[in-house]
Amino acid sequence: MTEPAVEDAIRALAHPGRRTMLQLVWDRERPASALAEAAGLSKSAASQHLKILRDAGLVDVRADATRRLYRADLARVAEVAALLDDFWAAPLQRLRVAAEGEAR
């Protein structure tokens, strides 16, 4: 994953409404209208947020007969999660060691 792609994914996850919508499409497809309602957003705002999630590669969309259905791209989400885990591993380990040292 390239640096700009990582930044796009992190920016996409920065908004609570986008995180809610991503969680809602984790295990099944949902139409934009259902995502807007569940996230407490207008249809227009939800559409803009879904575009950001799509552009970041975190959701896929397919056209149904009369609507667009969204679903999480779990491989991409897992890739972002692994990068964040790697990023935080060393600082968290140092914090753990420091906390254990102070507890003694």
Foldseek 3Di string as FASTA:
>chain_A
DDPVLLVLQVVLCPDPLSVQLQVVQAPHKDFLVVSCVRSVHDSVVSVVSVVSCVVSVQWDWDDDPDTIIIHGPVVSVVVSVVVVCVVCVVVVVVVVVVVVVVVD
